[in-house]
Amino acid sequence: MISHDEHGRASFGRLEAPLQLLILINLVAFSVETLPGLDAGTQQMLGLVELVSVAVFTVEYLVRVALSRPRSSYAWSFIGVIDLISILPFYLGLMFDLRSVRVIRLMRVFRLFKLARYSAAVRRYHLAFQYAREELILFGAAAVIVLYLAAVGIYYFEFEAQPKVYSSVFHSLWWAIVTLTTVGYGDVYPITTGGRIFTGFVLVAGLGIVAVPTGLLAAALSKAREHEKELEKEEARQGAAAKHGEQQ
């Protein structure tokens, strides 16, 4: 059975390059809008780019909804929601004055994620995440638990020595995050002997937190590549069979 994503790629195959170019133009235009002192001509041109882009993306969204079976499968998918969010600020701006609501305007940046549909590598990553989803969820839950325990531990070790820095477990979470991710900005650090020893154990745990999901994704990517090769072989066999049938 063909998924809505595969059906959409088949239907929009020849339009992929123009749509990618339009998305990149939108990102450049969005950045240009932030420049101070733009003249009226430039602002008018940027407005025209936005109008044309929204028109094209709206038609694309509606066509994909019409082609998907069932129709709600695309609308509620991750990429479908991204497509909707990328055009929503324009239509909200027609109904309300959103010039002061910067977050709404920032939603236009979601058009960047539309490029994911046209990238084979990104699609492969998406498939890999699907393969390793349960393991990643389980590991993510374990990482959150370790993060909380690290914040609690450093709080009890450092609270008396640095009451302003480690004033609560919530304040200690920043140290736990930068330490477990092995970033270590150096803005918050332990000064007690117990706190430093505890930090060493947390750093070792942080290496595992970085390494484990990398291994899971590497294995899943390998499986995704094998799946793509099987699909290519199946398409080649079907194409050869269809060609043979036409010749007969």
Protein backbone atom coordinates (compact mmCIF):
# COMPACT_ATOMS: atom_id res chain seq x y z
CA MET A 1 0.00 0.00 0.00
CA ILE A 2 1.36 3.42 -0.98
CA SER A 3 1.63 5.89 1.89
CA HIS A 4 0.46 9.48 1.57
CA ASP A 5 4.10 10.63 1.60
CA GLU A 6 5.11 8.29 -1.24
CA HIS A 7 1.98 9.22 -3.19
CA GLY A 8 2.76 12.90 -2.74
CA ARG A 9 6.36 12.48 -3.92
CA ALA A 10 5.16 10.62 -7.00
CA SER A 11 2.64 13.35 -7.83
CA PHE A 12 5.01 16.28 -7.20
CA GLY A 13 8.16 14.65 -8.59
CA ARG A 14 8.75 17.21 -11.36
CA LEU A 15 7.99 20.12 -9.02
CA GLU A 16 10.47 19.18 -6.31
CA ALA A 17 13.30 21.43 -7.58
CA PRO A 18 11.10 24.56 -8.03
CA LEU A 19 9.51 24.03 -4.61
CA GLN A 20 12.92 23.64 -2.98
CA LEU A 21 14.09 26.86 -4.68
CA LEU A 22 10.96 28.68 -3.48
CA ILE A 23 11.55 27.52 0.09
CA LEU A 24 15.15 28.80 -0.01
CA ILE A 25 13.97 32.13 -1.46
CA ASN A 26 11.53 32.39 1.44
CA LEU A 27 14.27 31.84 4.00
CA VAL A 28 16.44 34.51 2.38
CA ALA A 29 13.48 36.92 2.23
CA PHE A 30 12.68 36.29 5.89
CA SER A 31 16.27 37.17 6.81
CA VAL A 32 16.28 40.28 4.62
CA GLU A 33 13.14 41.53 6.39
CA THR A 34 15.12 41.80 9.62
CA LEU A 35 17.53 44.36 8.10
CA PRO A 36 16.96 47.89 9.43
CA GLY A 37 16.07 50.79 7.14
CA LEU A 38 14.65 48.86 4.19
CA ASP A 39 13.31 51.11 1.43
CA ALA A 40 9.72 50.90 0.18
CA GLY A 41 10.71 49.09 -3.03
CA THR A 42 12.46 46.30 -1.15
CA GLN A 43 9.55 45.93 1.26
CA GLN A 44 7.14 45.72 -1.67
CA MET A 45 9.26 43.05 -3.33
CA LEU A 46 9.42 41.03 -0.11
CA GLY A 47 5.66 41.31 0.22
CA LEU A 48 5.24 39.99 -3.33
CA VAL A 49 7.54 37.05 -2.57
CA GLU A 50 5.45 36.25 0.51
CA LEU A 51 2.18 36.48 -1.43
CA VAL A 52 3.37 34.21 -4.26
CA SER A 53 4.90 31.73 -1.83
CA VAL A 54 1.77 31.45 0.28
CA ALA A 55 -0.33 30.96 -2.86
CA VAL A 56 1.94 28.14 -4.10
CA PHE A 57 2.24 26.47 -0.68
CA THR A 58 -1.53 26.69 -0.14
CA VAL A 59 -2.25 25.01 -3.46
CA GLU A 60 0.37 22.36 -2.66
CA TYR A 61 -1.20 21.72 0.75
CA LEU A 62 -4.73 21.41 -0.64
CA VAL A 63 -3.61 19.09 -3.45
CA ARG A 64 -1.75 16.85 -1.03
CA VAL A 65 -4.82 16.67 1.21
CA ALA A 66 -6.96 15.76 -1.81
CA LEU A 67 -4.54 13.07 -3.00
CA SER A 68 -3.91 11.41 0.37
CA ARG A 69 -5.91 8.32 1.29
CA PRO A 70 -7.42 8.61 3.80
CA ARG A 71 -7.38 12.39 3.48
CA SER A 72 -6.75 12.95 7.17
CA SER A 73 -3.52 10.88 7.02
CA TYR A 74 -1.55 13.73 5.45
CA ALA A 75 -3.28 16.56 7.34
CA TRP A 76 -2.39 15.02 10.71
CA SER A 77 1.07 13.78 9.78
CA PHE A 78 4.19 15.60 10.96
CA ILE A 79 4.98 17.06 7.55
CA GLY A 80 1.31 17.97 7.02
CA VAL A 81 1.25 19.96 10.24
CA ILE A 82 4.51 21.67 9.21
CA ASP A 83 2.98 22.60 5.84
CA LEU A 84 -0.05 24.09 7.57
CA ILE A 85 1.98 26.04 10.13
CA SER A 86 4.17 27.49 7.37
CA ILE A 87 1.20 29.23 5.71
CA LEU A 88 -0.97 29.87 8.78
CA PRO A 89 0.67 33.21 9.84
CA PHE A 90 -0.29 34.81 6.51
CA TYR A 91 -3.98 33.99 6.87
CA LEU A 92 -4.03 34.89 10.56
CA GLY A 93 -2.51 38.25 9.59
CA LEU A 94 -5.43 38.89 7.24
CA MET A 95 -7.89 38.48 10.11
CA PHE A 96 -5.92 40.02 12.98
CA ASP A 97 -3.21 42.64 13.42
CA LEU A 98 -0.24 40.42 14.27
CA ARG A 99 2.56 42.87 13.57
CA SER A 100 3.41 43.01 17.28
CA VAL A 101 3.20 39.25 17.79
CA ARG A 102 6.72 38.21 16.83
CA VAL A 103 6.14 34.52 17.63
CA ILE A 104 3.43 34.26 14.96
CA ARG A 105 5.72 35.79 12.35
CA LEU A 106 8.49 33.44 13.44
CA MET A 107 6.28 30.51 12.46
CA ARG A 108 7.21 31.22 8.83
CA VAL A 109 10.61 29.71 9.57
CA PHE A 110 8.82 26.33 9.68
CA ARG A 111 9.00 26.43 5.88
CA LEU A 112 12.58 25.27 6.33
CA PHE A 113 11.26 21.90 7.50
CA LYS A 114 9.39 21.51 4.22
CA LEU A 115 12.78 20.71 2.66
CA ALA A 116 12.75 17.46 4.63
CA ARG A 117 10.17 16.04 2.22
CA TYR A 118 12.52 16.45 -0.73
CA SER A 119 15.68 15.08 0.92
CA ALA A 120 16.35 11.35 0.68
CA ALA A 121 18.77 11.58 3.61
CA VAL A 122 16.16 13.25 5.84
CA ARG A 123 13.55 10.66 4.84
CA ARG A 124 16.05 7.97 5.77
CA TYR A 125 16.55 9.58 9.17
CA HIS A 126 12.78 9.71 9.64
CA LEU A 127 12.55 6.00 8.84
CA ALA A 128 15.44 5.29 11.22
CA PHE A 129 13.66 7.15 14.03
CA GLN A 130 10.60 5.01 13.37
CA TYR A 131 12.66 1.83 13.65
CA ALA A 132 14.33 2.92 16.89
CA ARG A 133 11.36 4.84 18.33
CA GLU A 134 10.63 2.56 21.27
CA GLU A 135 14.30 2.31 22.28
CA LEU A 136 14.77 6.08 22.00
CA ILE A 137 11.66 6.76 24.08
CA LEU A 138 12.86 4.36 26.76
CA PHE A 139 16.34 5.87 26.74
CA GLY A 140 14.89 9.40 26.80
CA ALA A 141 12.87 8.56 29.90
CA ALA A 142 15.98 7.11 31.56
CA ALA A 143 17.95 10.25 30.62
CA VAL A 144 15.33 12.49 32.25
CA ILE A 145 15.54 10.42 35.44
CA VAL A 146 19.34 10.67 35.47
CA LEU A 147 19.07 14.42 34.83
CA TYR A 148 16.79 14.85 37.83
CA LEU A 149 19.00 12.72 40.08
CA ALA A 150 22.05 14.74 39.02
CA ALA A 151 20.27 18.00 39.90
CA VAL A 152 19.23 16.64 43.30
CA GLY A 153 22.72 15.32 44.03
CA ILE A 154 24.59 18.52 43.19
CA TYR A 155 22.03 20.54 45.14
CA TYR A 156 22.75 18.66 48.36
CA PHE A 157 26.51 18.77 47.80
CA GLU A 158 26.74 22.47 46.87
CA PHE A 159 23.80 24.25 48.50
CA GLU A 160 25.61 25.24 51.69
CA ALA A 161 28.76 26.35 49.84
CA GLN A 162 26.94 28.21 47.03
CA PRO A 163 23.39 28.99 48.18
CA LYS A 164 22.85 31.62 45.46
CA VAL A 165 23.96 29.36 42.60
CA TYR A 166 22.35 26.11 43.76
CA SER A 167 19.40 27.63 45.58
CA SER A 168 17.01 24.80 44.64
CA VAL A 169 16.80 21.59 42.63
CA PHE A 170 15.25 23.60 39.79
CA HIS A 171 18.22 26.00 39.73
CA SER A 172 20.55 22.98 39.77
CA LEU A 173 18.96 21.57 36.63
CA TRP A 174 20.97 23.97 34.45
CA TRP A 175 24.21 22.54 35.83
CA ALA A 176 22.88 19.01 35.34
CA ILE A 177 21.98 19.69 31.70
CA VAL A 178 25.31 21.22 30.68
CA THR A 179 27.23 18.55 32.58
CA LEU A 180 25.31 15.51 31.33
CA THR A 181 25.57 16.76 27.76
CA THR A 182 29.33 17.26 28.34
CA VAL A 183 29.07 20.91 27.23
CA GLY A 184 30.37 22.42 30.47
CA TYR A 185 30.00 26.17 29.94
CA GLY A 186 31.81 26.87 33.20
CA ASP A 187 29.30 29.45 34.43
CA VAL A 188 28.13 27.07 37.19
CA TYR A 189 30.54 24.58 38.74
CA PRO A 190 31.04 22.80 42.08
CA ILE A 191 33.63 23.96 44.60
CA THR A 192 33.27 21.32 47.30
CA THR A 193 35.18 18.03 47.26
CA GLY A 194 31.98 15.99 47.33
CA GLY A 195 30.49 18.06 44.54
CA ARG A 196 33.54 17.57 42.33
CA ILE A 197 33.59 13.82 42.89
CA PHE A 198 29.88 13.67 42.14
CA THR A 199 30.50 15.71 38.98
CA GLY A 200 32.98 13.08 37.80
CA PHE A 201 30.33 10.36 38.03
CA VAL A 202 27.82 12.59 36.24
CA LEU A 203 30.30 13.24 33.43
CA VAL A 204 30.83 9.50 32.93
CA ALA A 205 27.05 9.04 32.79
CA GLY A 206 26.89 11.91 30.30
CA LEU A 207 29.22 10.08 27.91
CA GLY A 208 26.76 7.21 27.87
CA ILE A 209 23.83 9.54 27.30
CA VAL A 210 25.57 10.89 24.20
CA ALA A 211 26.85 7.54 22.92
CA VAL A 212 23.83 5.27 23.35
CA PRO A 213 21.35 7.12 21.07
CA THR A 214 24.12 7.52 18.50
CA GLY A 215 24.54 3.75 18.37
CA LEU A 216 20.78 3.20 18.20
CA LEU A 217 20.43 5.63 15.28
CA ALA A 218 23.43 4.15 13.47
CA ALA A 219 21.86 0.68 13.61
CA ALA A 220 18.47 2.06 12.57
CA LEU A 221 20.02 3.99 9.64
CA SER A 222 21.66 0.80 8.42
CA LYS A 223 18.28 -0.92 8.55
CA ALA A 224 16.68 2.03 6.72
CA ARG A 225 19.27 1.80 3.93
CA GLU A 226 18.53 -1.92 3.54
CA HIS A 227 14.82 -1.11 3.35
CA GLU A 228 15.45 1.48 0.61
CA LYS A 229 17.54 -1.01 -1.39
CA GLU A 230 14.76 -3.59 -1.14
CA LEU A 231 12.24 -1.02 -2.37
CA GLU A 232 14.50 -0.08 -5.29
CA LYS A 233 14.91 -3.75 -6.25
CA GLU A 234 11.14 -4.28 -6.03
CA GLU A 235 10.49 -1.20 -8.20
CA ALA A 236 13.07 -2.43 -10.73
CA ARG A 237 11.43 -5.87 -10.85
CA GLN A 238 7.99 -4.32 -11.32
CA GLY A 239 9.32 -2.02 -14.04
CA ALA A 240 10.96 -4.92 -15.85
CA ALA A 241 7.78 -7.00 -15.58
CA ALA A 242 5.67 -4.13 -16.92
CA LYS A 243 8.08 -3.58 -19.81
CA HIS A 244 8.05 -7.28 -20.62
CA GLY A 245 4.26 -7.30 -20.58
CA GLU A 246 4.11 -4.35 -22.99
CA GLN A 247 6.47 -6.10 -25.39
CA GLN A 248 4.26 -9.16 -25.45
